[in-house]
Protein backbone atom coordinates (compact mmCIF):
# COMPACT_ATOMS: atom_id res chain seq x y z
CA MET A 1 183.27 145.53 210.86
CA ARG A 2 186.67 144.31 212.66
CA ARG A 3 187.98 146.17 215.88
CA ARG A 4 189.89 145.49 219.26
CA THR A 5 187.70 143.82 221.93
CA PHE A 6 188.21 143.09 225.63
CA ILE A 7 184.89 141.04 226.97
CA SER A 8 185.53 140.64 230.20
CA LEU A 9 183.02 137.64 231.31
CA PRO A 10 181.69 138.22 235.04
CA THR A 11 178.30 139.19 234.22
CA THR A 12 178.07 135.99 232.24
CA SER A 13 180.03 133.93 234.39
CA ALA A 14 177.91 134.94 237.43
CA LEU A 15 174.29 134.36 235.49
CA VAL A 16 175.39 130.44 234.31
CA ALA A 17 177.11 130.34 238.09
CA ALA A 18 174.15 131.28 239.67
CA ALA A 19 172.44 128.80 237.66
CA VAL A 20 174.71 125.84 238.19
CA GLY A 21 175.22 126.67 241.82
CA SER A 22 178.94 127.07 241.27
CA GLU A 23 181.85 129.57 241.02
CA LEU A 24 183.76 130.01 238.25
CA PRO A 25 186.92 131.20 236.49
CA LYS A 26 187.48 134.67 235.44
CA TYR A 27 187.78 134.93 231.86
CA LYS A 28 188.83 137.81 229.45
CA ILE A 29 188.17 136.74 225.74
CA VAL A 30 190.54 139.11 223.98
CA SER A 31 189.42 139.62 219.71
CA ASN A 32 189.48 141.87 216.62
CA TYR A 33 186.15 140.36 215.53
CA GLN A 34 182.80 141.12 215.35
CA PRO A 35 179.75 138.35 214.90
CA GLU A 36 179.46 137.85 210.70
CA GLY A 37 175.89 136.95 209.42
CA LEU A 38 174.11 134.24 210.66
CA LEU A 39 175.16 130.94 210.03
CA GLY A 40 177.08 130.49 213.29
CA MET A 41 176.61 128.54 216.32
CA PRO A 42 174.29 127.59 216.65
CA GLY A 43 173.49 128.17 212.99
CA LEU A 44 170.77 127.67 210.76
CA TYR A 45 169.02 124.21 212.28
CA PRO A 46 169.14 125.33 216.41
CA GLY A 47 167.72 122.02 218.33
CA LYS A 48 168.09 119.89 215.00
CA VAL A 49 170.01 116.87 214.08
CA VAL A 50 169.91 113.99 211.72
CA ALA A 51 171.57 111.20 212.36
CA ALA A 52 172.31 108.25 209.46
CA GLN A 53 173.09 105.26 210.34
CA SER A 54 174.37 101.85 208.83
CA ALA A 55 175.64 98.17 209.81
CA LYS A 56 177.11 98.07 206.66
CA SER A 57 179.39 101.60 206.75
CA ILE A 58 182.06 99.64 208.47
CA ASN A 59 183.57 96.47 209.94
CA PRO A 60 184.29 96.22 213.25
CA GLN A 61 186.22 93.19 212.84
CA THR A 62 188.43 94.97 210.19
CA GLU A 63 187.34 98.46 210.44
CA ALA A 64 187.44 98.84 206.58
CA VAL A 65 184.59 101.39 205.54
CA ASP A 66 182.39 101.30 202.59
CA ALA A 67 182.26 105.07 201.23
CA ALA A 68 179.48 104.22 198.85
CA VAL A 69 177.38 103.51 201.99
CA VAL A 70 178.83 107.19 203.90
CA ARG A 71 178.40 108.67 200.59
CA ASP A 72 175.00 107.78 200.87
CA MET A 73 174.48 108.08 204.46
CA MET A 74 175.42 111.91 204.67
CA ARG A 75 173.41 112.69 201.25
CA ARG A 76 170.46 111.27 202.95
CA ALA A 77 171.31 113.11 206.50
CA MET A 78 172.01 116.35 204.85
CA LEU A 79 168.71 116.17 202.18
CA GLU A 80 166.64 115.48 205.78
CA LEU A 81 168.39 118.38 207.47
CA THR A 82 167.60 121.15 205.00
CA GLY A 83 165.12 119.99 203.06
CA ASP A 84 166.13 120.25 200.12
CA LYS A 85 165.63 118.33 196.91
CA ASP A 86 169.25 118.31 195.50
CA VAL A 87 171.84 117.31 197.82
CA ARG A 88 174.31 120.16 196.00
CA ASP A 89 172.13 122.96 197.23
CA CYS A 90 172.03 121.41 200.95
CA TRP A 91 175.56 122.34 200.47
CA ARG A 92 174.87 125.85 199.10
CA ARG A 93 173.44 126.89 202.30
CA PHE A 94 176.72 126.94 204.02
CA ILE A 95 179.14 127.21 201.24
CA VAL A 96 179.75 129.20 198.87
CA PRO A 97 182.42 129.16 195.95
CA ALA A 98 184.20 131.88 196.88
CA ASP A 99 185.11 130.41 200.47
CA VAL A 100 188.14 129.36 201.94
CA VAL A 101 187.21 126.77 204.54
CA GLY A 102 188.73 125.02 207.00
CA ILE A 103 187.84 121.16 207.74
CA LYS A 104 188.57 120.95 211.66
CA LEU A 105 189.40 117.44 212.11
CA ASN A 106 189.81 115.45 215.21
CA CYS A 107 193.07 113.40 215.76
CA SER A 108 194.09 113.06 219.17
CA GLY A 109 193.28 109.35 219.10
CA ALA A 110 194.68 108.95 215.77
CA PRO A 111 195.19 107.05 214.04
CA ASN A 112 193.01 104.56 215.98
CA VAL A 113 190.44 106.99 216.26
CA CYS A 114 190.35 110.32 214.58
CA SER A 115 187.93 112.22 212.03
CA HIS A 116 188.05 108.97 209.05
CA PRO A 117 189.30 110.26 206.11
CA VAL A 118 187.09 108.36 204.25
CA VAL A 119 184.35 111.11 206.01
CA VAL A 120 186.63 113.90 205.45
CA ALA A 121 186.39 113.19 201.97
CA GLU A 122 183.35 112.52 201.20
CA ILE A 123 182.71 116.58 202.47
CA VAL A 124 185.95 117.52 200.54
CA ARG A 125 183.85 115.78 197.24
CA ASN A 126 180.97 117.74 198.30
CA LEU A 127 182.75 121.52 198.62
CA ILE A 128 183.96 120.62 195.06
CA GLU A 129 180.60 119.90 193.77
CA VAL A 130 179.54 123.51 194.82
CA GLY A 131 182.23 125.26 192.84
CA VAL A 132 184.58 125.63 196.33
CA LYS A 133 188.35 124.63 194.68
CA ALA A 134 190.46 121.88 195.86
CA ASN A 135 193.50 124.73 197.31
CA ASN A 136 190.29 126.70 199.33
CA ILE A 137 189.99 123.88 201.01
CA TRP A 138 192.25 123.06 204.14
CA LEU A 139 191.77 120.22 206.82
CA TYR A 140 193.27 121.49 209.69
CA GLU A 141 194.62 120.56 213.62
CA ARG A 142 196.54 121.84 216.32
CA PHE A 143 199.62 118.87 216.03
CA GLN A 144 201.36 117.44 212.89
CA ASP A 145 202.77 114.93 214.40
CA GLN A 146 198.90 113.22 215.18
CA VAL A 147 197.98 114.63 211.76
CA ASP A 148 200.83 112.51 210.11
CA THR A 149 199.30 109.07 211.15
CA VAL A 150 196.25 109.19 209.14
CA HIS A 151 197.31 109.83 205.83
CA TYR A 152 194.51 111.95 204.52
CA GLU A 153 196.49 113.42 201.16
CA LYS A 154 195.68 109.11 200.00
CA TYR A 155 192.00 110.11 199.94
CA VAL A 156 191.87 113.98 199.01
CA PRO A 157 192.27 115.62 195.26
CA GLU A 158 195.71 117.35 194.58
CA GLY A 159 195.73 120.94 196.20
CA VAL A 160 193.52 120.27 199.59
CA HIS A 161 195.87 121.75 202.04
CA ILE A 162 196.48 119.07 205.11
CA GLN A 163 198.21 121.58 207.98
CA ALA A 164 198.57 121.80 211.93
CA ALA A 165 199.26 124.72 213.67
CA SER A 166 202.15 123.17 214.73
CA HIS A 167 205.16 120.49 214.78
CA LEU A 168 206.23 120.97 218.06
CA ARG A 169 203.75 121.26 221.27
CA ASP A 170 205.40 124.24 222.64
CA ASN A 171 205.14 126.30 218.95
CA LEU A 172 202.96 129.59 218.76
CA ARG A 173 203.57 130.62 215.31
CA GLY A 174 200.50 128.73 214.29
CA TYR A 175 198.53 130.71 216.54
CA ASP A 176 197.14 134.23 216.29
CA PRO A 177 198.67 136.56 218.89
CA LYS A 178 195.99 139.24 219.04
CA THR A 179 193.00 136.53 219.50
CA TYR A 180 193.06 134.81 222.98
CA VAL A 181 191.21 134.06 226.50
CA GLU A 182 193.18 134.85 228.99
CA VAL A 183 192.37 133.12 232.79
CA ASP A 184 194.37 131.61 235.63
CA PHE A 185 193.51 128.22 236.22
CA PHE A 186 195.95 127.01 239.27
CA GLY A 187 198.19 130.20 239.39
CA GLU A 188 199.96 128.54 235.77
CA ASP A 189 202.96 130.97 234.34
CA ASP A 190 200.98 131.19 230.82
CA THR A 191 197.40 131.99 231.55
CA ARG A 192 196.67 132.48 227.74
CA SER A 193 195.50 130.24 224.78
CA ASN A 194 195.28 131.88 221.42
CA LEU A 195 193.16 131.04 218.53
CA VAL A 196 194.73 129.04 215.79
CA ARG A 197 196.16 131.59 213.03
CA MET A 198 194.63 130.03 210.13
CA ILE A 199 191.25 130.43 211.28
CA THR A 200 191.95 134.53 211.65
CA ASP A 201 194.15 134.79 208.56
CA HIS A 202 192.70 132.10 206.30
CA PHE A 203 189.15 130.52 206.81
CA THR A 204 185.75 132.35 206.12
CA LYS A 205 183.75 128.87 207.03
CA ILE A 206 184.36 126.46 209.30
CA ILE A 207 183.01 122.68 209.35
CA ASN A 208 183.57 120.59 212.47
CA VAL A 209 184.16 116.60 211.73
CA PRO A 210 184.62 115.06 215.48
CA ASN A 211 184.36 111.74 216.69
CA MET A 212 182.00 110.32 219.11
CA LYS A 213 183.70 109.64 222.22
CA ASP A 214 184.33 109.56 225.86
CA HIS A 215 186.53 111.91 227.64
CA GLY A 216 188.08 111.33 231.09
CA ALA A 217 188.26 115.37 232.12
CA SER A 218 184.80 116.32 230.04
CA GLY A 219 183.16 113.14 230.43
CA VAL A 220 182.54 113.05 226.92
CA THR A 221 184.39 114.97 223.76
CA GLY A 222 182.29 116.16 220.60
CA CYS A 223 181.56 118.61 219.07
CA LEU A 224 182.07 121.92 221.20
CA LYS A 225 185.24 119.84 222.96
CA ASN A 226 186.53 119.35 219.18
CA ILE A 227 186.32 123.02 217.74
CA ALA A 228 187.53 124.58 221.21
CA TYR A 229 190.10 122.95 222.80
CA GLY A 230 191.05 121.87 219.14
CA SER A 231 191.32 125.36 218.18
CA PHE A 232 193.46 126.82 220.43
CA GLY A 233 196.71 126.32 222.10
CA ASN A 234 197.49 126.29 225.54
CA VAL A 235 194.22 124.67 226.71
CA ALA A 236 195.57 120.91 228.67
CA ARG A 237 196.44 123.44 231.30
CA SER A 238 192.67 123.38 232.39
CA HIS A 239 192.77 120.37 234.56
CA LYS A 240 195.24 119.16 237.28
CA TRP A 241 195.43 116.84 239.69
CA GLU A 242 191.45 115.96 240.26
CA LYS A 243 190.42 119.06 239.29
CA THR A 244 189.18 120.33 235.85
CA ASN A 245 187.99 123.72 234.19
CA THR A 246 186.50 121.96 231.00
CA TYR A 247 183.33 122.91 232.65
CA SER A 248 183.40 126.76 231.95
CA PHE A 249 186.11 126.96 229.90
CA ILE A 250 184.71 124.88 226.65
CA GLY A 251 181.87 126.75 226.08
CA THR A 252 183.65 130.00 226.71
CA LEU A 253 186.92 129.27 223.83
CA ALA A 254 183.93 128.39 221.63
CA GLN A 255 182.12 131.24 221.86
CA VAL A 256 185.47 133.51 220.51
CA GLU A 257 184.99 135.60 217.36
CA PRO A 258 185.61 134.84 214.70
CA LEU A 259 185.23 130.97 215.72
CA LYS A 260 181.71 131.16 216.61
CA SER A 261 181.23 132.71 213.59
CA ARG A 262 182.62 130.78 210.71
CA THR A 263 181.48 127.67 212.44
CA VAL A 264 178.82 126.87 210.35
CA LEU A 265 178.44 122.82 209.96
CA GLN A 266 178.57 119.88 212.32
CA ILE A 267 179.36 116.43 210.85
CA MET A 268 179.98 114.21 213.70
CA ASP A 269 181.91 111.01 212.64
CA GLY A 270 180.19 107.75 214.60
CA LEU A 271 181.73 105.22 212.56
CA ARG A 272 183.80 104.38 215.70
CA ALA A 273 183.53 105.28 219.19
CA VAL A 274 185.14 105.20 222.43
CA TRP A 275 183.37 104.42 225.57
CA GLN A 276 186.47 104.54 228.03
CA GLY A 277 189.88 105.59 227.54
CA GLY A 278 189.35 108.89 225.69
CA PRO A 279 190.36 111.03 223.68
CA PHE A 280 193.20 109.00 222.87
CA ALA A 281 191.59 105.47 222.92
CA PRO A 282 195.03 102.84 222.26
CA ASN A 283 192.85 100.48 223.81
CA PRO A 284 190.89 98.78 220.78
CA LYS A 285 188.95 97.17 223.72
CA TYR A 286 186.84 100.02 224.45
CA ARG A 287 185.69 100.99 220.63
CA PHE A 288 182.54 100.21 219.39
CA TYR A 289 181.09 101.00 215.90
CA PRO A 290 177.61 102.68 216.15
CA GLY A 291 177.78 103.18 212.04
CA ARG A 292 176.82 106.75 212.99
CA ILE A 293 177.18 110.06 210.60
CA SER A 294 175.20 113.00 212.83
CA VAL A 295 174.70 116.10 211.25
CA GLY A 296 173.34 119.40 212.76
CA THR A 297 174.54 123.76 212.99
CA ASP A 298 173.93 123.20 216.71
CA PRO A 299 176.96 121.65 218.33
CA VAL A 300 174.81 121.36 221.83
CA ALA A 301 172.25 119.61 220.78
CA LEU A 302 174.86 116.94 219.38
CA ASP A 303 176.55 116.68 222.21
CA ARG A 304 173.43 116.38 224.31
CA LEU A 305 172.46 113.31 222.24
CA LEU A 306 176.05 112.38 222.24
CA ILE A 307 176.20 112.24 226.61
CA ASP A 308 173.78 109.53 226.18
CA ILE A 309 175.04 106.65 223.67
CA ILE A 310 178.48 106.95 225.20
CA GLU A 311 176.67 106.55 229.21
CA THR A 312 174.52 103.65 227.30
CA LYS A 313 177.50 101.65 226.75
CA ARG A 314 179.30 102.40 229.75
CA LYS A 315 176.27 101.03 231.33
CA GLN A 316 176.15 98.32 229.45
CA GLU A 317 180.16 97.39 229.82
CA GLY A 318 179.54 97.83 233.57
CA ALA A 319 181.59 101.22 234.16
CA HIS A 320 181.18 104.19 235.92
CA SER A 321 178.99 106.78 235.03
CA VAL A 322 180.42 110.38 233.34
CA TRP A 323 178.18 112.32 235.65
CA ASP A 324 179.93 110.38 238.63
CA ARG A 325 181.36 112.67 240.63
CA ASN A 326 182.57 110.30 243.83
CA PRO A 327 186.00 111.14 244.78
CA SER A 328 186.09 106.85 245.48
CA ILE A 329 186.30 106.08 241.63
CA LEU A 330 189.14 108.78 241.05
CA MET A 331 193.07 106.74 240.24
CA LYS A 332 195.07 106.33 243.72
CA GLY A 333 198.27 105.01 243.57
CA GLN A 334 198.73 102.33 241.18
CA ALA A 335 194.85 102.15 240.38
CA LYS A 336 195.60 103.83 237.46
CA ASN A 337 197.23 100.74 235.96
CA ALA A 338 194.94 98.01 237.91
CA ASP A 339 191.61 100.11 237.33
CA PRO A 340 191.09 100.84 233.62
CA PHE A 341 187.71 102.86 235.02
CA ALA A 342 188.84 104.80 237.69
CA ASN A 343 188.54 108.65 237.15
CA ARG A 344 191.98 110.64 236.28
CA PHE A 345 189.48 113.82 236.88
CA ILE A 346 186.26 114.79 238.11
CA ARG A 347 184.54 114.40 234.90
CA GLU A 348 182.68 117.70 233.41
CA PRO A 349 179.60 116.76 230.85
CA GLY A 350 177.82 119.74 231.79
CA HIS A 351 179.81 121.72 229.79
CA ILE A 352 177.41 121.00 227.22
CA GLU A 353 174.41 122.49 229.44
CA TYR A 354 176.97 125.66 230.51
CA ALA A 355 177.67 126.07 226.86
CA GLY A 356 173.71 125.92 225.95
CA HIS A 357 173.85 129.20 228.48
CA LEU A 358 176.35 130.73 226.68
CA GLY A 359 174.08 130.45 223.44
CA LEU A 360 175.58 128.15 221.47
CA GLY A 361 172.88 125.50 220.87
CA VAL A 362 170.25 123.76 222.35
CA TYR A 363 170.21 121.62 225.80
CA ASP A 364 166.78 120.38 226.38
CA LYS A 365 166.07 117.51 225.03
CA SER A 366 162.37 117.94 224.83
CA LYS A 367 163.50 121.02 222.87
CA ILE A 368 165.58 119.30 220.46
CA GLN A 369 164.38 117.42 217.37
CA LEU A 370 166.57 114.35 215.96
CA LYS A 371 165.38 112.49 212.99
CA GLU A 372 167.09 109.22 212.32
CA ILE A 373 167.26 107.29 209.49
CA ASN A 374 168.87 103.80 208.65
CA LEU A 375 169.95 102.23 205.45
């Protein structure tokens, strides 16, 4: 069923604001789409995360990735997630041959840290194995210049689409004019963030492939930020000076239909990770190599565990906590060049808990079921 809907969020915002003790921006969601089925976030396995880890998956010195090890990691993780005995049955729980599948890349840090093409190629291989045609698979991202640096075409079969919403940062043609979130953060001229048009026009299912990274505004960037900020235009306006609205904006975007209903699987690429300077990660000294692939359907649960991984690494390196809101650690004058640990914004890792309040997943660690597989 499709009809034009205008959803203001004062009630939801008020409830969450009361829970966290803060005043939130006023959002208006405009969409033609209603919820579709039961597969959308938080999906079939709320609160369940499976992480496969292998030191053999990536060489920290050369960053060479072993495709055979990655295949085994993903196979083992998917079998554990679903309880199936045949890996093809795992994928069939989420995908049918008639689906048009969008694979949401993370290329904001490309080519240094991005959804690794070996991981993406293994996802594509499994989709084709269960009957999805190559020309019904789309690797998508927001900006073509970032995608082009990775050369995914060398890893996936001919016919698979590799497409970004725009070549230019201000190009609106790749976005749906009828599906958007409207909010005024700082009195900006353009108060509208539109959903990527491929999501409404083409995809029936979406697989989200984020990385494990810290982020100067949102604290960390994982499943939620990748599917939210990576699927809408005009999102960077949410942070200005030291203030960021990532706290509430990320979850608000992620719950927009049809994005919420069509995102059925989360595969977090943690072969490489970033503990400082994310999401762009130009400096290799801030990378580390967990050699990890985490799978699930619940973006909140995966991101809640990601906080601990990034926080532990930052503590080992002597960096400020992602939870540190002390104004004294904000960049001042030339500090941004002299102090790599100074924050540009007051970080908002609480966006993950906020998304949990919106029904996107399980935040309480005592209710998250983590299964770790060491290969």
